[in-house]
């Protein structure tokens, strides 16, 4: 490839590949943003639910974790 010229077909293939890569990166970023939004929404929803239930929902002597 070095020292040679690109004909129309090779140039079209290169441009198509770069366009597809850019499109994939945009889709990947949007997917990451939607996952972040969903996790924040779920955390906010859980906090609101716990606040409505009057606290964390555990006994006052409990320290959390799987062993109490």
PDB file of N, CA and C in Angstrom:
ATOM      1  N   UNK A   1       0.818  -1.179   0.000  1.00  0.00           N
ATOM      2  CA  UNK A   1       0.000   0.000   0.000  1.00  0.00           C
ATOM      3  C   UNK A   1       0.872   1.258   0.000  1.00  0.00           C
ATOM      4  N   UNK A   2       2.007   1.208   0.627  1.00  0.00           N
ATOM      5  CA  UNK A   2       2.866   2.393   0.647  1.00  0.00           C
ATOM      6  C   UNK A   2       3.535   2.550  -0.711  1.00  0.00           C
ATOM      7  N   UNK A   3       3.499   3.732  -1.252  1.00  0.00           N
ATOM      8  CA  UNK A   3       4.119   4.005  -2.532  1.00  0.00           C
ATOM      9  C   UNK A   3       3.233   3.724  -3.720  1.00  0.00           C
ATOM     10  N   UNK A   4       2.009   3.272  -3.478  1.00  0.00           N
ATOM     11  CA  UNK A   4       1.094   3.021  -4.594  1.00  0.00           C
ATOM     12  C   UNK A   4      -0.088   3.961  -4.492  1.00  0.00           C
ATOM     13  N   UNK A   5      -0.736   4.188  -5.584  1.00  0.00           N
ATOM     14  CA  UNK A   5      -1.925   5.037  -5.589  1.00  0.00           C
ATOM     15  C   UNK A   5      -3.160   4.172  -5.387  1.00  0.00           C
ATOM     16  N   UNK A   6      -4.179   4.784  -4.845  1.00  0.00           N
ATOM     17  CA  UNK A   6      -5.441   4.068  -4.604  1.00  0.00           C
ATOM     18  C   UNK A   6      -6.374   4.306  -5.780  1.00  0.00           C
ATOM     19  N   UNK A   7      -6.939   3.241  -6.296  1.00  0.00           N
ATOM     20  CA  UNK A   7      -7.934   3.410  -7.355  1.00  0.00           C
ATOM     21  C   UNK A   7      -9.300   3.666  -6.715  1.00  0.00           C
ATOM     22  N   UNK A   8     -10.311   3.831  -7.523  1.00  0.00           N
ATOM     23  CA  UNK A   8     -11.644   4.195  -7.029  1.00  0.00           C
ATOM     24  C   UNK A   8     -12.236   3.160  -6.093  1.00  0.00           C
ATOM     25  N   UNK A   9     -12.072   1.884  -6.401  1.00  0.00           N
ATOM     26  CA  UNK A   9     -12.646   0.818  -5.578  1.00  0.00           C
ATOM     27  C   UNK A   9     -11.966   0.759  -4.211  1.00  0.00           C
ATOM     28  N   UNK A  10     -10.654   0.886  -4.176  1.00  0.00           N
ATOM     29  CA  UNK A  10      -9.936   0.863  -2.901  1.00  0.00           C
ATOM     30  C   UNK A  10     -10.277   2.084  -2.066  1.00  0.00           C
ATOM     31  N   UNK A  11     -10.389   3.228  -2.716  1.00  0.00           N
ATOM     32  CA  UNK A  11     -10.749   4.453  -2.002  1.00  0.00           C
ATOM     33  C   UNK A  11     -12.150   4.348  -1.425  1.00  0.00           C
ATOM     34  N   UNK A  12     -13.099   3.821  -2.193  1.00  0.00           N
ATOM     35  CA  UNK A  12     -14.472   3.635  -1.718  1.00  0.00           C
ATOM     36  C   UNK A  12     -14.497   2.663  -0.536  1.00  0.00           C
ATOM     37  N   UNK A  13     -13.744   1.591  -0.613  1.00  0.00           N
ATOM     38  CA  UNK A  13     -13.683   0.623   0.472  1.00  0.00           C
ATOM     39  C   UNK A  13     -13.119   1.240   1.747  1.00  0.00           C
ATOM     40  N   UNK A  14     -12.071   2.045   1.603  1.00  0.00           N
ATOM     41  CA  UNK A  14     -11.460   2.697   2.762  1.00  0.00           C
ATOM     42  C   UNK A  14     -12.424   3.691   3.404  1.00  0.00           C
ATOM     43  N   UNK A  15     -13.087   4.476   2.582  1.00  0.00           N
ATOM     44  CA  UNK A  15     -14.050   5.457   3.109  1.00  0.00           C
ATOM     45  C   UNK A  15     -15.223   4.739   3.775  1.00  0.00           C
ATOM     46  N   UNK A  16     -15.693   3.671   3.178  1.00  0.00           N
ATOM     47  CA  UNK A  16     -16.804   2.909   3.765  1.00  0.00           C
ATOM     48  C   UNK A  16     -16.408   2.315   5.107  1.00  0.00           C
ATOM     49  N   UNK A  17     -15.212   1.785   5.193  1.00  0.00           N
ATOM     50  CA  UNK A  17     -14.738   1.195   6.439  1.00  0.00           C
ATOM     51  C   UNK A  17     -14.620   2.245   7.544  1.00  0.00           C
ATOM     52  N   UNK A  18     -14.082   3.412   7.201  1.00  0.00           N
ATOM     53  CA  UNK A  18     -13.954   4.479   8.198  1.00  0.00           C
ATOM     54  C   UNK A  18     -15.320   5.015   8.620  1.00  0.00           C
ATOM     55  N   UNK A  19     -16.252   5.092   7.680  1.00  0.00           N
ATOM     56  CA  UNK A  19     -17.609   5.539   8.014  1.00  0.00           C
ATOM     57  C   UNK A  19     -18.290   4.545   8.938  1.00  0.00           C
ATOM     58  N   UNK A  20     -18.135   3.273   8.644  1.00  0.00           N
ATOM     59  CA  UNK A  20     -18.726   2.238   9.490  1.00  0.00           C
ATOM     60  C   UNK A  20     -18.123   2.258  10.894  1.00  0.00           C
ATOM     61  N   UNK A  21     -16.827   2.476  10.986  1.00  0.00           N
ATOM     62  CA  UNK A  21     -16.167   2.573  12.292  1.00  0.00           C
ATOM     63  C   UNK A  21     -16.700   3.762  13.089  1.00  0.00           C
ATOM     64  N   UNK A  22     -16.843   4.909  12.435  1.00  0.00           N
ATOM     65  CA  UNK A  22     -17.375   6.091  13.117  1.00  0.00           C
ATOM     66  C   UNK A  22     -18.816   5.855  13.576  1.00  0.00           C
ATOM     67  N   UNK A  23     -19.618   5.218  12.748  1.00  0.00           N
ATOM     68  CA  UNK A  23     -21.002   4.911  13.120  1.00  0.00           C
ATOM     69  C   UNK A  23     -21.039   3.967  14.308  1.00  0.00           C
ATOM     70  N   UNK A  24     -20.190   2.953  14.321  1.00  0.00           N
ATOM     71  CA  UNK A  24     -20.140   1.995  15.422  1.00  0.00           C
ATOM     72  C   UNK A  24     -19.751   2.684  16.728  1.00  0.00           C
ATOM     73  N   UNK A  25     -18.793   3.600  16.663  1.00  0.00           N
ATOM     74  CA  UNK A  25     -18.377   4.323  17.868  1.00  0.00           C
ATOM     75  C   UNK A  25     -19.529   5.169  18.404  1.00  0.00           C
ATOM     76  N   UNK A  26     -20.279   5.818  17.516  1.00  0.00           N
ATOM     77  CA  UNK A  26     -21.424   6.620  17.961  1.00  0.00           C
ATOM     78  C   UNK A  26     -22.494   5.756  18.616  1.00  0.00           C
ATOM     79  N   UNK A  27     -22.785   4.615  18.037  1.00  0.00           N
ATOM     80  CA  UNK A  27     -23.782   3.713  18.612  1.00  0.00           C
ATOM     81  C   UNK A  27     -23.309   3.200  19.962  1.00  0.00           C
ATOM     82  N   UNK A  28     -22.048   2.856  20.068  1.00  0.00           N
ATOM     83  CA  UNK A  28     -21.474   2.362  21.326  1.00  0.00           C
ATOM     84  C   UNK A  28     -21.558   3.426  22.419  1.00  0.00           C
ATOM     85  N   UNK A  29     -21.252   4.679  22.079  1.00  0.00           N
ATOM     86  CA  UNK A  29     -21.347   5.764  23.067  1.00  0.00           C
ATOM     87  C   UNK A  29     -22.782   5.970  23.530  1.00  0.00           C
ATOM     88  N   UNK A  30     -23.726   5.904  22.591  1.00  0.00           N
ATOM     89  CA  UNK A  30     -25.134   6.078  22.967  1.00  0.00           C
ATOM     90  C   UNK A  30     -25.597   4.944  23.873  1.00  0.00           C
ATOM     91  N   UNK A  31     -25.131   3.730  23.608  1.00  0.00           N
ATOM     92  CA  UNK A  31     -25.481   2.587  24.453  1.00  0.00           C
ATOM     93  C   UNK A  31     -24.926   2.779  25.863  1.00  0.00           C
ATOM     94  N   UNK A  32     -23.697   3.240  25.980  1.00  0.00           N
ATOM     95  CA  UNK A  32     -23.110   3.496  27.296  1.00  0.00           C
ATOM     96  C   UNK A  32     -23.874   4.584  28.040  1.00  0.00           C
ATOM     97  N   UNK A  33     -24.275   5.640  27.335  1.00  0.00           N
ATOM     98  CA  UNK A  33     -25.033   6.708  27.973  1.00  0.00           C
ATOM     99  C   UNK A  33     -26.382   6.209  28.461  1.00  0.00           C
ATOM    100  N   UNK A  34     -27.031   5.371  27.687  1.00  0.00           N
ATOM    101  CA  UNK A  34     -28.337   4.858  28.115  1.00  0.00           C
ATOM    102  C   UNK A  34     -28.192   3.926  29.313  1.00  0.00           C
ATOM    103  N   UNK A  35     -27.126   3.149  29.361  1.00  0.00           N
ATOM    104  CA  UNK A  35     -26.906   2.291  30.529  1.00  0.00           C
ATOM    105  C   UNK A  35     -26.628   3.123  31.774  1.00  0.00           C
ATOM    106  N   UNK A  36     -25.847   4.188  31.634  1.00  0.00           N
ATOM    107  CA  UNK A  36     -25.604   5.081  32.779  1.00  0.00           C
ATOM    108  C   UNK A  36     -26.902   5.712  33.260  1.00  0.00           C
ATOM    109  N   UNK A  37     -27.736   6.169  32.312  1.00  0.00           N
ATOM    110  CA  UNK A  37     -29.000   6.781  32.691  1.00  0.00           C
ATOM    111  C   UNK A  37     -29.881   5.770  33.419  1.00  0.00           C
ATOM    112  N   UNK A  38     -29.950   4.545  32.908  1.00  0.00           N
ATOM    113  CA  UNK A  38     -30.803   3.536  33.527  1.00  0.00           C
ATOM    114  C   UNK A  38     -30.321   3.197  34.926  1.00  0.00           C
ATOM    115  N   UNK A  39     -29.019   3.055  35.126  1.00  0.00           N
ATOM    116  CA  UNK A  39     -28.489   2.757  36.464  1.00  0.00           C
ATOM    117  C   UNK A  39     -28.782   3.899  37.440  1.00  0.00           C
ATOM    118  N   UNK A  40     -28.624   5.142  36.983  1.00  0.00           N
ATOM    119  CA  UNK A  40     -28.929   6.284  37.850  1.00  0.00           C
ATOM    120  C   UNK A  40     -30.418   6.320  38.176  1.00  0.00           C
ATOM    121  N   UNK A  41     -31.259   6.035  37.192  1.00  0.00           N
ATOM    122  CA  UNK A  41     -32.699   6.015  37.418  1.00  0.00           C
ATOM    123  C   UNK A  41     -33.071   4.929  38.412  1.00  0.00           C
ATOM    124  N   UNK A  42     -32.497   3.741  38.285  1.00  0.00           N
ATOM    125  CA  UNK A  42     -32.808   2.642  39.197  1.00  0.00           C
ATOM    126  C   UNK A  42     -32.346   2.962  40.610  1.00  0.00           C
ATOM    127  N   UNK A  43     -31.186   3.586  40.743  1.00  0.00           N
ATOM    128  CA  UNK A  43     -30.685   3.963  42.062  1.00  0.00           C
ATOM    129  C   UNK A  43     -31.588   5.014  42.694  1.00  0.00           C
ATOM    130  N   UNK A  44     -31.991   6.004  41.894  1.00  0.00           N
ATOM    131  CA  UNK A  44     -32.879   7.052  42.393  1.00  0.00           C
ATOM    132  C   UNK A  44     -34.230   6.463  42.801  1.00  0.00           C
ATOM    133  N   UNK A  45     -34.740   5.549  42.005  1.00  0.00           N
ATOM    134  CA  UNK A  45     -36.021   4.910  42.304  1.00  0.00           C
ATOM    135  C   UNK A  45     -35.940   4.089  43.588  1.00  0.00           C
ATOM    136  N   UNK A  46     -34.854   3.371  43.764  1.00  0.00           N
ATOM    137  CA  UNK A  46     -34.683   2.565  44.971  1.00  0.00           C
ATOM    138  C   UNK A  46     -34.568   3.466  46.205  1.00  0.00           C
ATOM    139  N   UNK A  47     -33.851   4.588  46.081  1.00  0.00           N
ATOM    140  CA  UNK A  47     -33.723   5.509  47.210  1.00  0.00           C
ATOM    141  C   UNK A  47     -35.075   6.116  47.569  1.00  0.00           C
ATOM    142  N   UNK A  48     -35.867   6.464  46.560  1.00  0.00           N
ATOM    143  CA  UNK A  48     -37.196   7.019  46.831  1.00  0.00           C
ATOM    144  C   UNK A  48     -38.092   5.976  47.493  1.00  0.00           C
ATOM    145  N   UNK A  49     -38.000   4.741  47.051  1.00  0.00           N
ATOM    146  CA  UNK A  49     -38.810   3.677  47.643  1.00  0.00           C
ATOM    147  C   UNK A  49     -38.427   3.456  49.102  1.00  0.00           C
ATOM    148  N   UNK A  50     -37.126   3.458  49.384  1.00  0.00           N
ATOM    149  CA  UNK A  50     -36.675   3.269  50.762  1.00  0.00           C
ATOM    150  C   UNK A  50     -37.087   4.446  51.636  1.00  0.00           C
ATOM    151  N   UNK A  51     -37.070   5.652  51.077  1.00  0.00           N
ATOM    152  CA  UNK A  51     -37.486   6.822  51.846  1.00  0.00           C
ATOM    153  C   UNK A  51     -38.985   6.752  52.162  1.00  0.00           C
ATOM    154  N   UNK A  52     -39.781   6.266  51.232  1.00  0.00           N
ATOM    155  CA  UNK A  52     -41.212   6.119  51.487  1.00  0.00           C
ATOM    156  C   UNK A  52     -41.492   5.066  52.542  1.00  0.00           C
ATOM    157  N   UNK A  53     -40.696   4.020  52.556  1.00  0.00           N
ATOM    158  CA  UNK A  53     -40.897   2.941  53.521  1.00  0.00           C
ATOM    159  C   UNK A  53     -40.389   3.311  54.906  1.00  0.00           C
ATOM    160  N   UNK A  54     -39.801   4.466  55.048  1.00  0.00           N
ATOM    161  CA  UNK A  54     -39.391   4.947  56.355  1.00  0.00           C
ATOM    162  C   UNK A  54     -37.993   4.504  56.765  1.00  0.00           C
ATOM    163  N   UNK A  55     -37.053   4.596  55.870  1.00  0.00           N
ATOM    164  CA  UNK A  55     -35.678   4.248  56.214  1.00  0.00           C
ATOM    165  C   UNK A  55     -35.126   3.206  55.278  1.00  0.00           C
ATOM    166  N   UNK A  56     -34.119   2.549  55.745  1.00  0.00           N
ATOM    167  CA  UNK A  56     -33.448   1.583  54.886  1.00  0.00           C
ATOM    168  C   UNK A  56     -34.162   0.245  54.843  1.00  0.00           C
ATOM    169  N   UNK A  57     -35.142   0.032  55.706  1.00  0.00           N
ATOM    170  CA  UNK A  57     -35.885  -1.217  55.684  1.00  0.00           C
ATOM    171  C   UNK A  57     -35.242  -2.313  56.502  1.00  0.00           C
ATOM    172  N   UNK A  58     -34.193  -2.018  57.207  1.00  0.00           N
ATOM    173  CA  UNK A  58     -33.507  -3.011  58.038  1.00  0.00           C
ATOM    174  C   UNK A  58     -33.743  -2.688  59.510  1.00  0.00           C
ATOM    175  N   UNK A  59     -33.411  -3.647  60.355  1.00  0.00           N
ATOM    176  CA  UNK A  59     -33.477  -3.401  61.799  1.00  0.00           C
ATOM    177  C   UNK A  59     -32.418  -2.395  62.180  1.00  0.00           C
ATOM    178  N   UNK A  60     -32.650  -1.672  63.283  1.00  0.00           N
ATOM    179  CA  UNK A  60     -31.685  -0.646  63.676  1.00  0.00           C
ATOM    180  C   UNK A  60     -30.369  -1.252  64.148  1.00  0.00           C
ATOM    181  N   UNK A  61     -30.358  -2.498  64.591  1.00  0.00           N
ATOM    182  CA  UNK A  61     -29.136  -3.140  65.056  1.00  0.00           C
ATOM    183  C   UNK A  61     -28.372  -3.829  63.944  1.00  0.00           C
ATOM    184  N   UNK A  62     -28.942  -3.900  62.781  1.00  0.00           N
ATOM    185  CA  UNK A  62     -28.303  -4.601  61.674  1.00  0.00           C
ATOM    186  C   UNK A  62     -27.230  -3.714  61.042  1.00  0.00           C
ATOM    187  N   UNK A  63     -26.108  -4.325  60.722  1.00  0.00           N
ATOM    188  CA  UNK A  63     -25.003  -3.600  60.105  1.00  0.00           C
ATOM    189  C   UNK A  63     -24.916  -3.862  58.613  1.00  0.00           C
ATOM    190  N   UNK A  64     -25.782  -4.673  58.075  1.00  0.00           N
ATOM    191  CA  UNK A  64     -25.784  -4.950  56.644  1.00  0.00           C
ATOM    192  C   UNK A  64     -24.848  -6.094  56.315  1.00  0.00           C
ATOM    193  N   UNK A  65     -24.780  -6.406  55.074  1.00  0.00           N
ATOM    194  CA  UNK A  65     -23.934  -7.493  54.623  1.00  0.00           C
ATOM    195  C   UNK A  65     -24.633  -8.829  54.753  1.00  0.00           C
ATOM    196  N   UNK A  66     -24.063  -9.883  54.207  1.00  0.00           N
ATOM    197  CA  UNK A  66     -24.726 -11.161  54.205  1.00  0.00           C
ATOM    198  C   UNK A  66     -24.764 -11.845  55.570  1.00  0.00           C
ATOM    199  N   UNK A  67     -23.946 -11.424  56.536  1.00  0.00           N
ATOM    200  CA  UNK A  67     -23.908 -12.070  57.839  1.00  0.00           C
ATOM    201  C   UNK A  67     -24.511 -11.217  58.941  1.00  0.00           C
ATOM    202  N   UNK A  68     -25.222 -10.178  58.553  1.00  0.00           N
ATOM    203  CA  UNK A  68     -25.906  -9.377  59.561  1.00  0.00           C
ATOM    204  C   UNK A  68     -25.199  -8.195  59.944  1.00  0.00           C
TER     205      UNK A  68
END
